[in-house]
Amino acid sequence: MNKEHLSLTYFISRPFFFGIIYSQLFNLSGNDSLISCVIGTLLGFIILYLISKMNFDNHQTIQLLFYLFLLILALCSIETYVSSFLLVKTPKIIIIIPAIMLVSYVSFKDTNSLKKCAFIFFIISTFSLLIVSLLLSSYLNISNVLPFFTTESLGILKGSVIFAIMSCVPNILLKEENMPLKKQIIYYLMVSLINTLICFLTLAALTPNVAKIYSYPEYMVLKRIKLLSFIENVENISVLIWYFDFFFLLVFIFKRLFNLIKKRVVFGIIIALTTLLTTFYIANNYYLTIWLYTYCPLIMLVFFLLFLTTISSEKHK
């Protein structure tokens, strides 16, 4: 097992679960969200296979637009969460500038060092998840996730597609890593099991009806935990894990963008303009943010379908 490739798959596949995938999954699938996770994982295997067959040599424009979309979605997710829960009165631009500076600095570092760093953070992340799971055990009620098959089939299918698309398509960022398909599928399966476990913990602790109310249900469930009756704010562990996810996602977005643009000045201008657009226009507009969150799976699907044309064009050469 290549531990570094496992770490990269883990961090690239997970970021959009926080605040987007789980929320849509619970609203569409309800009690059957776990079934959507299983079906979504199986669909994910197909998507990863198709990604392995893609060739982007003559499709730089589609790549550029795709990476910019991922960047906007990632920045909007970070700014919306932090300004809503942690730094309510802090201007969003102040929140995001330190992150952009750190990611910019790291993205120009050696890839091998980044992979080793990813594995260290992977250990921290999985260990934190284990602690959270143990702390939540006394709050879980298995009856909250039962009975199954109470949701319309269309809702389960939509939830499955969202799970697969939003967790798999970002793995296009890892195509240059030349990861063997078999290993990538195994790594993705392991990551999906972790995401399914989080889905189960959230539903079992909150019930599906309550989980639908919150924008960040997997975060809100941890607010119930009090360790030894005096240690509170355990939910910030989930925030720490989530920061790791988005950090590595942004680093690889920056790396791929720079590989396409190749000029540091142009790269810097594009990053600056995208950050300003996201901060002052998208993230500051509640309805536009909701629109982005609602339709981002569809936009991601459109990009995936565009990338599929690279398979057929390669066959005709």
C-alpha atoms as a PDB file:
ATOM      1  CA  MET A   1       0.000   0.000   0.000  1.00  0.00           C
ATOM      2  CA  ASN A   2       1.309   3.438  -0.987  1.00  0.00           C
ATOM      3  CA  LYS A   3       0.538   5.440   2.146  1.00  0.00           C
ATOM      4  CA  GLU A   4       1.175   8.763   0.423  1.00  0.00           C
ATOM      5  CA  HIS A   5      -1.301   8.036  -2.371  1.00  0.00           C
ATOM      6  CA  LEU A   6      -3.849   6.923   0.214  1.00  0.00           C
ATOM      7  CA  SER A   7      -3.410  10.223   2.040  1.00  0.00           C
ATOM      8  CA  LEU A   8      -3.892  12.273  -1.127  1.00  0.00           C
ATOM      9  CA  THR A   9      -7.026  10.345  -2.117  1.00  0.00           C
ATOM     10  CA  TYR A  10      -8.344  10.863   1.405  1.00  0.00           C
ATOM     11  CA  PHE A  11      -7.900  14.631   1.385  1.00  0.00           C
ATOM     12  CA  ILE A  12      -9.006  15.266  -2.210  1.00  0.00           C
ATOM     13  CA  SER A  13     -12.174  13.124  -1.921  1.00  0.00           C
ATOM     14  CA  ARG A  14     -13.509  14.539   1.363  1.00  0.00           C
ATOM     15  CA  PRO A  15     -13.680  18.378   1.468  1.00  0.00           C
ATOM     16  CA  PHE A  16     -17.131  18.916  -0.034  1.00  0.00           C
ATOM     17  CA  PHE A  17     -18.841  16.522   2.367  1.00  0.00           C
ATOM     18  CA  PHE A  18     -18.686  19.239   5.015  1.00  0.00           C
ATOM     19  CA  GLY A  19     -21.679  21.530   4.532  1.00  0.00           C
ATOM     20  CA  ILE A  20     -22.612  20.311   1.035  1.00  0.00           C
ATOM     21  CA  ILE A  21     -22.773  16.547   0.414  1.00  0.00           C
ATOM     22  CA  TYR A  22     -24.114  15.472   3.809  1.00  0.00           C
ATOM     23  CA  SER A  23     -26.736  18.224   3.860  1.00  0.00           C
ATOM     24  CA  GLN A  24     -28.029  17.308   0.404  1.00  0.00           C
ATOM     25  CA  LEU A  25     -27.792  13.615   1.181  1.00  0.00           C
ATOM     26  CA  PHE A  26     -29.956  13.898   4.300  1.00  0.00           C
ATOM     27  CA  ASN A  27     -32.526  16.076   2.548  1.00  0.00           C
ATOM     28  CA  LEU A  28     -32.820  13.767  -0.451  1.00  0.00           C
ATOM     29  CA  SER A  29     -32.410  10.329   1.126  1.00  0.00           C
ATOM     30  CA  GLY A  30     -33.429  10.746   4.784  1.00  0.00           C
ATOM     31  CA  ASN A  31     -33.265   7.384   6.559  1.00  0.00           C
ATOM     32  CA  ASP A  32     -31.801   5.848   3.414  1.00  0.00           C
ATOM     33  CA  SER A  33     -28.730   8.102   3.339  1.00  0.00           C
ATOM     34  CA  LEU A  34     -26.540   5.108   4.227  1.00  0.00           C
ATOM     35  CA  ILE A  35     -27.901   3.264   1.189  1.00  0.00           C
ATOM     36  CA  SER A  36     -27.064   6.290  -0.950  1.00  0.00           C
ATOM     37  CA  CYS A  37     -23.524   6.171   0.438  1.00  0.00           C
ATOM     38  CA  VAL A  38     -23.153   2.507  -0.582  1.00  0.00           C
ATOM     39  CA  ILE A  39     -24.583   3.023  -4.079  1.00  0.00           C
ATOM     40  CA  GLY A  40     -22.586   6.245  -4.438  1.00  0.00           C
ATOM     41  CA  THR A  41     -19.385   4.364  -3.628  1.00  0.00           C
ATOM     42  CA  LEU A  42     -20.141   1.791  -6.352  1.00  0.00           C
ATOM     43  CA  LEU A  43     -20.841   4.582  -8.839  1.00  0.00           C
ATOM     44  CA  GLY A  44     -17.577   6.157  -7.725  1.00  0.00           C
ATOM     45  CA  PHE A  45     -15.646   3.106  -8.924  1.00  0.00           C
ATOM     46  CA  ILE A  46     -17.040   3.669 -12.432  1.00  0.00           C
ATOM     47  CA  ILE A  47     -16.177   7.378 -12.337  1.00  0.00           C
ATOM     48  CA  LEU A  48     -12.601   6.648 -11.226  1.00  0.00           C
ATOM     49  CA  TYR A  49     -12.247   4.128 -14.070  1.00  0.00           C
ATOM     50  CA  LEU A  50     -13.425   6.723 -16.593  1.00  0.00           C
ATOM     51  CA  ILE A  51     -11.079   9.351 -15.143  1.00  0.00           C
ATOM     52  CA  SER A  52      -8.164   6.939 -15.613  1.00  0.00           C
ATOM     53  CA  LYS A  53      -8.994   6.786 -19.349  1.00  0.00           C
ATOM     54  CA  MET A  54      -9.140  10.566 -19.847  1.00  0.00           C
ATOM     55  CA  ASN A  55      -6.487  12.514 -21.709  1.00  0.00           C
ATOM     56  CA  PHE A  56      -6.246  16.266 -21.123  1.00  0.00           C
ATOM     57  CA  ASP A  57      -3.404  17.164 -23.507  1.00  0.00           C
ATOM     58  CA  ASN A  58      -5.608  19.230 -25.824  1.00  0.00           C
ATOM     59  CA  HIS A  59      -8.225  20.314 -23.309  1.00  0.00           C
ATOM     60  CA  GLN A  60      -6.435  22.947 -21.229  1.00  0.00           C
ATOM     61  CA  THR A  61      -9.372  25.367 -21.366  1.00  0.00           C
ATOM     62  CA  ILE A  62     -11.765  22.862 -19.793  1.00  0.00           C
ATOM     63  CA  GLN A  63      -9.133  22.055 -17.177  1.00  0.00           C
ATOM     64  CA  LEU A  64      -8.630  25.730 -16.364  1.00  0.00           C
ATOM     65  CA  LEU A  65     -12.358  26.363 -15.928  1.00  0.00           C
ATOM     66  CA  PHE A  66     -12.735  23.223 -13.825  1.00  0.00           C
ATOM     67  CA  TYR A  67      -9.896  24.176 -11.472  1.00  0.00           C
ATOM     68  CA  LEU A  68     -11.288  27.701 -11.129  1.00  0.00           C
ATOM     69  CA  PHE A  69     -14.706  26.266 -10.275  1.00  0.00           C
ATOM     70  CA  LEU A  70     -13.154  24.026  -7.599  1.00  0.00           C
ATOM     71  CA  LEU A  71     -11.264  27.051  -6.260  1.00  0.00           C
ATOM     72  CA  ILE A  72     -14.410  29.186  -6.041  1.00  0.00           C
ATOM     73  CA  LEU A  73     -16.377  26.403  -4.352  1.00  0.00           C
ATOM     74  CA  ALA A  74     -13.568  25.720  -1.868  1.00  0.00           C
ATOM     75  CA  LEU A  75     -13.037  29.391  -0.984  1.00  0.00           C
ATOM     76  CA  CYS A  76     -16.773  29.979  -0.617  1.00  0.00           C
ATOM     77  CA  SER A  77     -17.088  26.931   1.679  1.00  0.00           C
ATOM     78  CA  ILE A  78     -14.265  28.116   3.929  1.00  0.00           C
ATOM     79  CA  GLU A  79     -15.442  31.723   4.142  1.00  0.00           C
ATOM     80  CA  THR A  80     -19.103  30.818   4.722  1.00  0.00           C
ATOM     81  CA  TYR A  81     -18.366  28.399   7.536  1.00  0.00           C
ATOM     82  CA  VAL A  82     -15.743  30.472   9.357  1.00  0.00           C
ATOM     83  CA  SER A  83     -17.761  33.689   9.159  1.00  0.00           C
ATOM     84  CA  SER A  84     -20.921  31.888  10.328  1.00  0.00           C
ATOM     85  CA  PHE A  85     -19.549  29.966  13.306  1.00  0.00           C
ATOM     86  CA  LEU A  86     -16.094  31.167  14.336  1.00  0.00           C
ATOM     87  CA  LEU A  87     -15.274  34.736  13.268  1.00  0.00           C
ATOM     88  CA  VAL A  88     -18.708  36.247  12.838  1.00  0.00           C
ATOM     89  CA  LYS A  89     -17.638  39.899  12.856  1.00  0.00           C
ATOM     90  CA  THR A  90     -14.406  39.446  10.932  1.00  0.00           C
ATOM     91  CA  PRO A  91     -14.451  40.557   7.264  1.00  0.00           C
ATOM     92  CA  LYS A  92     -14.266  37.564   4.929  1.00  0.00           C
ATOM     93  CA  ILE A  93     -11.238  38.950   3.116  1.00  0.00           C
ATOM     94  CA  ILE A  94      -9.307  38.935   6.404  1.00  0.00           C
ATOM     95  CA  ILE A  95     -10.327  35.308   6.923  1.00  0.00           C
ATOM     96  CA  ILE A  96      -9.201  34.095   3.514  1.00  0.00           C
ATOM     97  CA  ILE A  97      -5.982  36.062   2.873  1.00  0.00           C
ATOM     98  CA  PRO A  98      -3.831  34.096   5.398  1.00  0.00           C
ATOM     99  CA  ALA A  99      -5.116  30.818   3.917  1.00  0.00           C
ATOM    100  CA  ILE A 100      -4.317  31.951   0.362  1.00  0.00           C
ATOM    101  CA  MET A 101      -0.831  33.059   1.383  1.00  0.00           C
ATOM    102  CA  LEU A 102      -0.081  29.764   3.130  1.00  0.00           C
ATOM    103  CA  VAL A 103      -1.449  27.652   0.281  1.00  0.00           C
ATOM    104  CA  SER A 104       0.484  29.717  -2.287  1.00  0.00           C
ATOM    105  CA  TYR A 105       3.718  29.204  -0.354  1.00  0.00           C
ATOM    106  CA  VAL A 106       3.219  25.448   0.055  1.00  0.00           C
ATOM    107  CA  SER A 107       2.033  24.846  -3.517  1.00  0.00           C
ATOM    108  CA  PHE A 108       5.470  25.762  -4.894  1.00  0.00           C
ATOM    109  CA  LYS A 109       7.224  23.299  -2.607  1.00  0.00           C
ATOM    110  CA  ASP A 110       8.456  19.855  -3.628  1.00  0.00           C
ATOM    111  CA  THR A 111       5.604  17.400  -4.263  1.00  0.00           C
ATOM    112  CA  ASN A 112       7.307  14.547  -2.407  1.00  0.00           C
ATOM    113  CA  SER A 113       7.564  16.656   0.748  1.00  0.00           C
ATOM    114  CA  LEU A 114       3.894  17.537   0.378  1.00  0.00           C
ATOM    115  CA  LYS A 115       2.967  13.857   0.133  1.00  0.00           C
ATOM    116  CA  LYS A 116       4.876  13.054   3.315  1.00  0.00           C
ATOM    117  CA  CYS A 117       3.163  15.956   5.050  1.00  0.00           C
ATOM    118  CA  ALA A 118      -0.201  14.652   3.811  1.00  0.00           C
ATOM    119  CA  PHE A 119       0.428  11.270   5.420  1.00  0.00           C
ATOM    120  CA  ILE A 120       1.210  12.879   8.784  1.00  0.00           C
ATOM    121  CA  PHE A 121      -2.010  14.884   8.655  1.00  0.00           C
ATOM    122  CA  PHE A 122      -3.856  11.752   7.546  1.00  0.00           C
ATOM    123  CA  ILE A 123      -2.774   9.988  10.751  1.00  0.00           C
ATOM    124  CA  ILE A 124      -3.887  12.975  12.835  1.00  0.00           C
ATOM    125  CA  SER A 125      -7.211  13.143  10.990  1.00  0.00           C
ATOM    126  CA  THR A 126      -8.066   9.444  11.333  1.00  0.00           C
ATOM    127  CA  PHE A 127      -6.990   9.409  14.992  1.00  0.00           C
ATOM    128  CA  SER A 128      -9.224  12.430  15.669  1.00  0.00           C
ATOM    129  CA  LEU A 129     -12.116  10.693  13.924  1.00  0.00           C
ATOM    130  CA  LEU A 130     -11.612   7.618  16.106  1.00  0.00           C
ATOM    131  CA  ILE A 131     -11.735   9.750  19.260  1.00  0.00           C
ATOM    132  CA  VAL A 132     -14.897  11.498  18.065  1.00  0.00           C
ATOM    133  CA  SER A 133     -16.551   8.148  17.283  1.00  0.00           C
ATOM    134  CA  LEU A 134     -15.810   6.875  20.790  1.00  0.00           C
ATOM    135  CA  LEU A 135     -17.081  10.063  22.413  1.00  0.00           C
ATOM    136  CA  LEU A 136     -20.308   9.882  20.421  1.00  0.00           C
ATOM    137  CA  SER A 137     -21.016   6.239  21.273  1.00  0.00           C
ATOM    138  CA  SER A 138     -23.225   7.062  24.251  1.00  0.00           C
ATOM    139  CA  TYR A 139     -25.368   9.402  22.120  1.00  0.00           C
ATOM    140  CA  LEU A 140     -26.099   6.914  19.351  1.00  0.00           C
ATOM    141  CA  ASN A 141     -29.452   5.240  18.843  1.00  0.00           C
ATOM    142  CA  ILE A 142     -29.538   2.660  16.068  1.00  0.00           C
ATOM    143  CA  SER A 143     -33.302   3.058  15.700  1.00  0.00           C
ATOM    144  CA  ASN A 144     -32.718   6.587  14.390  1.00  0.00           C
ATOM    145  CA  VAL A 145     -31.396   5.200  11.100  1.00  0.00           C
ATOM    146  CA  LEU A 146     -34.188   2.629  10.725  1.00  0.00           C
ATOM    147  CA  PRO A 147     -36.235   1.551   8.898  1.00  0.00           C
ATOM    148  CA  PHE A 148     -34.536   1.518   5.501  1.00  0.00           C
ATOM    149  CA  PHE A 149     -36.247   2.018   2.135  1.00  0.00           C
ATOM    150  CA  THR A 150     -38.706   4.618   3.390  1.00  0.00           C
ATOM    151  CA  THR A 151     -37.557   7.218   0.848  1.00  0.00           C
ATOM    152  CA  GLU A 152     -38.545   7.392  -2.804  1.00  0.00           C
ATOM    153  CA  SER A 153     -36.135   5.606  -5.120  1.00  0.00           C
ATOM    154  CA  LEU A 154     -35.456   8.845  -6.991  1.00  0.00           C
ATOM    155  CA  GLY A 155     -34.287  10.533  -3.781  1.00  0.00           C
ATOM    156  CA  ILE A 156     -31.910   7.664  -3.013  1.00  0.00           C
ATOM    157  CA  LEU A 157     -30.564   7.745  -6.573  1.00  0.00           C
ATOM    158  CA  LYS A 158     -30.017  11.524  -6.501  1.00  0.00           C
ATOM    159  CA  GLY A 159     -28.193  11.215  -3.185  1.00  0.00           C
ATOM    160  CA  SER A 160     -26.017   8.437  -4.620  1.00  0.00           C
ATOM    161  CA  VAL A 161     -25.080  10.476  -7.687  1.00  0.00           C
ATOM    162  CA  ILE A 162     -24.207  13.527  -5.553  1.00  0.00           C
ATOM    163  CA  PHE A 163     -22.059  11.333  -3.275  1.00  0.00           C
ATOM    164  CA  ALA A 164     -20.213   9.844  -6.257  1.00  0.00           C
ATOM    165  CA  ILE A 165     -19.775  13.012  -8.312  1.00  0.00           C
ATOM    166  CA  MET A 166     -18.696  15.331  -5.497  1.00  0.00           C
ATOM    167  CA  SER A 167     -16.252  12.844  -3.973  1.00  0.00           C
ATOM    168  CA  CYS A 168     -14.774  11.360  -7.181  1.00  0.00           C
ATOM    169  CA  VAL A 169     -14.532  14.110  -9.798  1.00  0.00           C
ATOM    170  CA  PRO A 170     -12.060  16.209  -7.717  1.00  0.00           C
ATOM    171  CA  ASN A 171      -9.693  13.226  -8.063  1.00  0.00           C
ATOM    172  CA  ILE A 172      -8.928  14.582 -11.540  1.00  0.00           C
ATOM    173  CA  LEU A 173      -6.449  16.731  -9.591  1.00  0.00           C
ATOM    174  CA  LEU A 174      -4.472  13.553  -8.846  1.00  0.00           C
ATOM    175  CA  LYS A 175      -4.264  12.277 -12.423  1.00  0.00           C
ATOM    176  CA  GLU A 176      -0.689  13.524 -12.815  1.00  0.00           C
ATOM    177  CA  GLU A 177       0.322  11.390  -9.835  1.00  0.00           C
ATOM    178  CA  ASN A 178      -0.005   8.279 -12.061  1.00  0.00           C
ATOM    179  CA  MET A 179      -1.766   6.312  -9.360  1.00  0.00           C
ATOM    180  CA  PRO A 180      -2.634   2.726 -10.434  1.00  0.00           C
ATOM    181  CA  LEU A 181      -6.386   2.402 -10.940  1.00  0.00           C
ATOM    182  CA  LYS A 182      -6.697  -0.679  -8.737  1.00  0.00           C
ATOM    183  CA  LYS A 183      -5.006   1.038  -5.812  1.00  0.00           C
ATOM    184  CA  GLN A 184      -6.965   4.250  -6.322  1.00  0.00           C
ATOM    185  CA  ILE A 185     -10.228   2.295  -6.163  1.00  0.00           C
ATOM    186  CA  ILE A 186      -9.088   0.569  -2.962  1.00  0.00           C
ATOM    187  CA  TYR A 187      -8.088   3.911  -1.421  1.00  0.00           C
ATOM    188  CA  TYR A 188     -11.377   5.484  -2.478  1.00  0.00           C
ATOM    189  CA  LEU A 189     -13.268   2.566  -0.908  1.00  0.00           C
ATOM    190  CA  MET A 190     -11.463   3.152   2.382  1.00  0.00           C
ATOM    191  CA  VAL A 191     -12.255   6.882   2.271  1.00  0.00           C
ATOM    192  CA  SER A 192     -15.909   6.164   1.412  1.00  0.00           C
ATOM    193  CA  LEU A 193     -16.188   3.830   4.403  1.00  0.00           C
ATOM    194  CA  ILE A 194     -14.965   6.670   6.627  1.00  0.00           C
ATOM    195  CA  ASN A 195     -17.460   9.096   5.088  1.00  0.00           C
ATOM    196  CA  THR A 196     -20.243   6.520   5.479  1.00  0.00           C
ATOM    197  CA  LEU A 197     -19.279   6.084   9.132  1.00  0.00           C
ATOM    198  CA  ILE A 198     -19.619   9.852   9.677  1.00  0.00           C
ATOM    199  CA  CYS A 199     -23.007   9.720   7.962  1.00  0.00           C
ATOM    200  CA  PHE A 200     -24.105   6.915  10.313  1.00  0.00           C
ATOM    201  CA  LEU A 201     -22.853   8.714  13.434  1.00  0.00           C
ATOM    202  CA  THR A 202     -24.702  11.888  12.451  1.00  0.00           C
ATOM    203  CA  LEU A 203     -27.989  10.140  11.715  1.00  0.00           C
ATOM    204  CA  ALA A 204     -27.824   7.886  14.758  1.00  0.00           C
ATOM    205  CA  ALA A 205     -27.160  10.822  17.076  1.00  0.00           C
ATOM    206  CA  LEU A 206     -29.503  13.420  15.547  1.00  0.00           C
ATOM    207  CA  THR A 207     -32.205  11.465  13.627  1.00  0.00           C
ATOM    208  CA  PRO A 208     -32.704  12.212   9.905  1.00  0.00           C
ATOM    209  CA  ASN A 209     -35.417  14.843  10.518  1.00  0.00           C
ATOM    210  CA  VAL A 210     -33.182  16.866  12.833  1.00  0.00           C
ATOM    211  CA  ALA A 211     -30.153  16.420  10.553  1.00  0.00           C
ATOM    212  CA  LYS A 212     -32.112  18.045   7.712  1.00  0.00           C
ATOM    213  CA  ILE A 213     -32.471  21.262   9.712  1.00  0.00           C
ATOM    214  CA  TYR A 214     -28.774  22.066   9.969  1.00  0.00           C
ATOM    215  CA  SER A 215     -26.424  23.306   7.268  1.00  0.00           C
ATOM    216  CA  TYR A 216     -23.546  21.475   8.973  1.00  0.00           C
ATOM    217  CA  PRO A 217     -25.199  18.479  10.683  1.00  0.00           C
ATOM    218  CA  GLU A 218     -21.923  16.571  11.154  1.00  0.00           C
ATOM    219  CA  TYR A 219     -20.605  19.605  13.048  1.00  0.00           C
ATOM    220  CA  MET A 220     -23.711  20.227  15.134  1.00  0.00           C
ATOM    221  CA  VAL A 221     -23.864  16.639  16.402  1.00  0.00           C
ATOM    222  CA  LEU A 222     -20.506  17.088  18.122  1.00  0.00           C
ATOM    223  CA  LYS A 223     -21.787  20.049  20.125  1.00  0.00           C
ATOM    224  CA  ARG A 224     -23.637  17.508  22.256  1.00  0.00           C
ATOM    225  CA  ILE A 225     -20.417  16.000  23.566  1.00  0.00           C
ATOM    226  CA  LYS A 226     -19.153  16.927  26.997  1.00  0.00           C
ATOM    227  CA  LEU A 227     -16.105  15.003  28.144  1.00  0.00           C
ATOM    228  CA  LEU A 228     -15.920  14.413  31.917  1.00  0.00           C
ATOM    229  CA  SER A 229     -18.679  17.038  32.287  1.00  0.00           C
ATOM    230  CA  PHE A 230     -16.295  19.955  31.814  1.00  0.00           C
ATOM    231  CA  ILE A 231     -14.463  19.547  28.494  1.00  0.00           C
ATOM    232  CA  GLU A 232     -16.659  21.108  25.826  1.00  0.00           C
ATOM    233  CA  ASN A 233     -16.341  22.414  22.248  1.00  0.00           C
ATOM    234  CA  VAL A 234     -15.275  18.975  21.024  1.00  0.00           C
ATOM    235  CA  GLU A 235     -16.911  19.927  17.704  1.00  0.00           C
ATOM    236  CA  ASN A 236     -13.791  21.930  16.898  1.00  0.00           C
ATOM    237  CA  ILE A 237     -12.060  18.603  16.239  1.00  0.00           C
ATOM    238  CA  SER A 238     -14.221  18.240  13.145  1.00  0.00           C
ATOM    239  CA  VAL A 239     -13.207  21.748  12.105  1.00  0.00           C
ATOM    240  CA  LEU A 240      -9.534  20.796  12.412  1.00  0.00           C
ATOM    241  CA  ILE A 241     -10.074  17.715  10.217  1.00  0.00           C
ATOM    242  CA  TRP A 242     -12.007  19.790   7.699  1.00  0.00           C
ATOM    243  CA  TYR A 243      -9.196  22.357   7.496  1.00  0.00           C
ATOM    244  CA  PHE A 244      -6.760  19.584   6.573  1.00  0.00           C
ATOM    245  CA  ASP A 245      -9.082  18.465   3.769  1.00  0.00           C
ATOM    246  CA  PHE A 246      -9.408  21.908   2.243  1.00  0.00           C
ATOM    247  CA  PHE A 247      -5.757  22.770   2.717  1.00  0.00           C
ATOM    248  CA  PHE A 248      -4.574  19.903   0.525  1.00  0.00           C
ATOM    249  CA  LEU A 249      -7.394  20.433  -1.967  1.00  0.00           C
ATOM    250  CA  LEU A 250      -6.374  24.088  -2.415  1.00  0.00           C
ATOM    251  CA  VAL A 251      -2.689  23.209  -2.678  1.00  0.00           C
ATOM    252  CA  PHE A 252      -3.349  20.803  -5.552  1.00  0.00           C
ATOM    253  CA  ILE A 253      -5.705  23.255  -7.245  1.00  0.00           C
ATOM    254  CA  PHE A 254      -2.924  25.863  -7.123  1.00  0.00           C
ATOM    255  CA  LYS A 255      -0.372  23.361  -8.435  1.00  0.00           C
ATOM    256  CA  ARG A 256      -2.531  22.317 -11.379  1.00  0.00           C
ATOM    257  CA  LEU A 257      -3.454  25.924 -12.213  1.00  0.00           C
ATOM    258  CA  PHE A 258       0.192  26.964 -12.235  1.00  0.00           C
ATOM    259  CA  ASN A 259       1.113  23.985 -14.439  1.00  0.00           C
ATOM    260  CA  LEU A 260      -1.430  25.251 -16.978  1.00  0.00           C
ATOM    261  CA  ILE A 261      -0.625  28.980 -16.750  1.00  0.00           C
ATOM    262  CA  LYS A 262       3.159  28.636 -16.190  1.00  0.00           C
ATOM    263  CA  LYS A 263       3.655  32.364 -15.573  1.00  0.00           C
ATOM    264  CA  ARG A 264       3.750  33.444 -11.938  1.00  0.00           C
ATOM    265  CA  VAL A 265       2.456  36.961 -12.566  1.00  0.00           C
ATOM    266  CA  VAL A 266      -0.567  35.747 -14.557  1.00  0.00           C
ATOM    267  CA  PHE A 267      -1.123  32.990 -12.020  1.00  0.00           C
ATOM    268  CA  GLY A 268      -1.073  35.510  -9.173  1.00  0.00           C
ATOM    269  CA  ILE A 269      -3.526  37.809 -10.957  1.00  0.00           C
ATOM    270  CA  ILE A 270      -5.975  34.954 -11.620  1.00  0.00           C
ATOM    271  CA  ILE A 271      -5.803  33.777  -8.000  1.00  0.00           C
ATOM    272  CA  ALA A 272      -6.299  37.337  -6.732  1.00  0.00           C
ATOM    273  CA  LEU A 273      -9.265  38.030  -9.026  1.00  0.00           C
ATOM    274  CA  THR A 274     -10.903  34.699  -8.185  1.00  0.00           C
ATOM    275  CA  THR A 275     -10.445  35.314  -4.460  1.00  0.00           C
ATOM    276  CA  LEU A 276     -11.926  38.817  -4.694  1.00  0.00           C
ATOM    277  CA  LEU A 277     -14.857  37.593  -6.807  1.00  0.00           C
ATOM    278  CA  THR A 278     -15.624  34.812  -4.348  1.00  0.00           C
ATOM    279  CA  THR A 279     -15.173  36.960  -1.241  1.00  0.00           C
ATOM    280  CA  PHE A 280     -17.003  40.145  -2.207  1.00  0.00           C
ATOM    281  CA  TYR A 281     -19.633  38.816  -4.597  1.00  0.00           C
ATOM    282  CA  ILE A 282     -20.436  35.125  -4.085  1.00  0.00           C
ATOM    283  CA  ALA A 283     -19.741  34.498  -0.380  1.00  0.00           C
ATOM    284  CA  ASN A 284     -21.317  37.853   0.564  1.00  0.00           C
ATOM    285  CA  ASN A 285     -24.554  37.044  -1.250  1.00  0.00           C
ATOM    286  CA  TYR A 286     -26.630  34.522   0.721  1.00  0.00           C
ATOM    287  CA  TYR A 287     -28.860  33.539  -2.193  1.00  0.00           C
ATOM    288  CA  LEU A 288     -25.937  33.172  -4.578  1.00  0.00           C
ATOM    289  CA  THR A 289     -24.110  30.981  -2.041  1.00  0.00           C
ATOM    290  CA  ILE A 290     -27.172  28.777  -1.635  1.00  0.00           C
ATOM    291  CA  TRP A 291     -27.475  28.559  -5.419  1.00  0.00           C
ATOM    292  CA  LEU A 292     -23.820  27.508  -5.685  1.00  0.00           C
ATOM    293  CA  TYR A 293     -24.207  24.840  -2.988  1.00  0.00           C
ATOM    294  CA  THR A 294     -27.441  23.544  -4.536  1.00  0.00           C
ATOM    295  CA  TYR A 295     -26.204  23.277  -8.100  1.00  0.00           C
ATOM    296  CA  CYS A 296     -22.504  22.507  -7.579  1.00  0.00           C
ATOM    297  CA  PRO A 297     -23.129  18.731  -8.067  1.00  0.00           C
ATOM    298  CA  LEU A 298     -24.778  19.492 -11.421  1.00  0.00           C
ATOM    299  CA  ILE A 299     -21.933  21.817 -12.443  1.00  0.00           C
ATOM    300  CA  MET A 300     -19.419  19.156 -11.401  1.00  0.00           C
ATOM    301  CA  LEU A 301     -21.341  16.593 -13.469  1.00  0.00           C
ATOM    302  CA  VAL A 302     -21.237  18.885 -16.530  1.00  0.00           C
ATOM    303  CA  PHE A 303     -17.452  19.203 -16.210  1.00  0.00           C
ATOM    304  CA  PHE A 304     -17.164  15.430 -15.867  1.00  0.00           C
ATOM    305  CA  LEU A 305     -19.222  14.911 -19.038  1.00  0.00           C
ATOM    306  CA  LEU A 306     -16.996  17.412 -20.868  1.00  0.00           C
ATOM    307  CA  PHE A 307     -13.934  15.509 -19.713  1.00  0.00           C
ATOM    308  CA  LEU A 308     -15.510  12.286 -21.004  1.00  0.00           C
ATOM    309  CA  THR A 309     -15.112  13.666 -24.531  1.00  0.00           C
ATOM    310  CA  THR A 310     -11.360  13.347 -24.063  1.00  0.00           C
ATOM    311  CA  ILE A 311     -11.808   9.568 -23.983  1.00  0.00           C
ATOM    312  CA  SER A 312     -13.617   9.367 -27.323  1.00  0.00           C
ATOM    313  CA  SER A 313     -11.243  11.880 -28.954  1.00  0.00           C
ATOM    314  CA  GLU A 314      -8.284   9.800 -27.787  1.00  0.00           C
ATOM    315  CA  LYS A 315      -9.806   6.659 -29.315  1.00  0.00           C
ATOM    316  CA  HIS A 316     -10.162   8.311 -32.733  1.00  0.00           C
ATOM    317  CA  LYS A 317      -6.479   9.243 -32.939  1.00  0.00           C
END
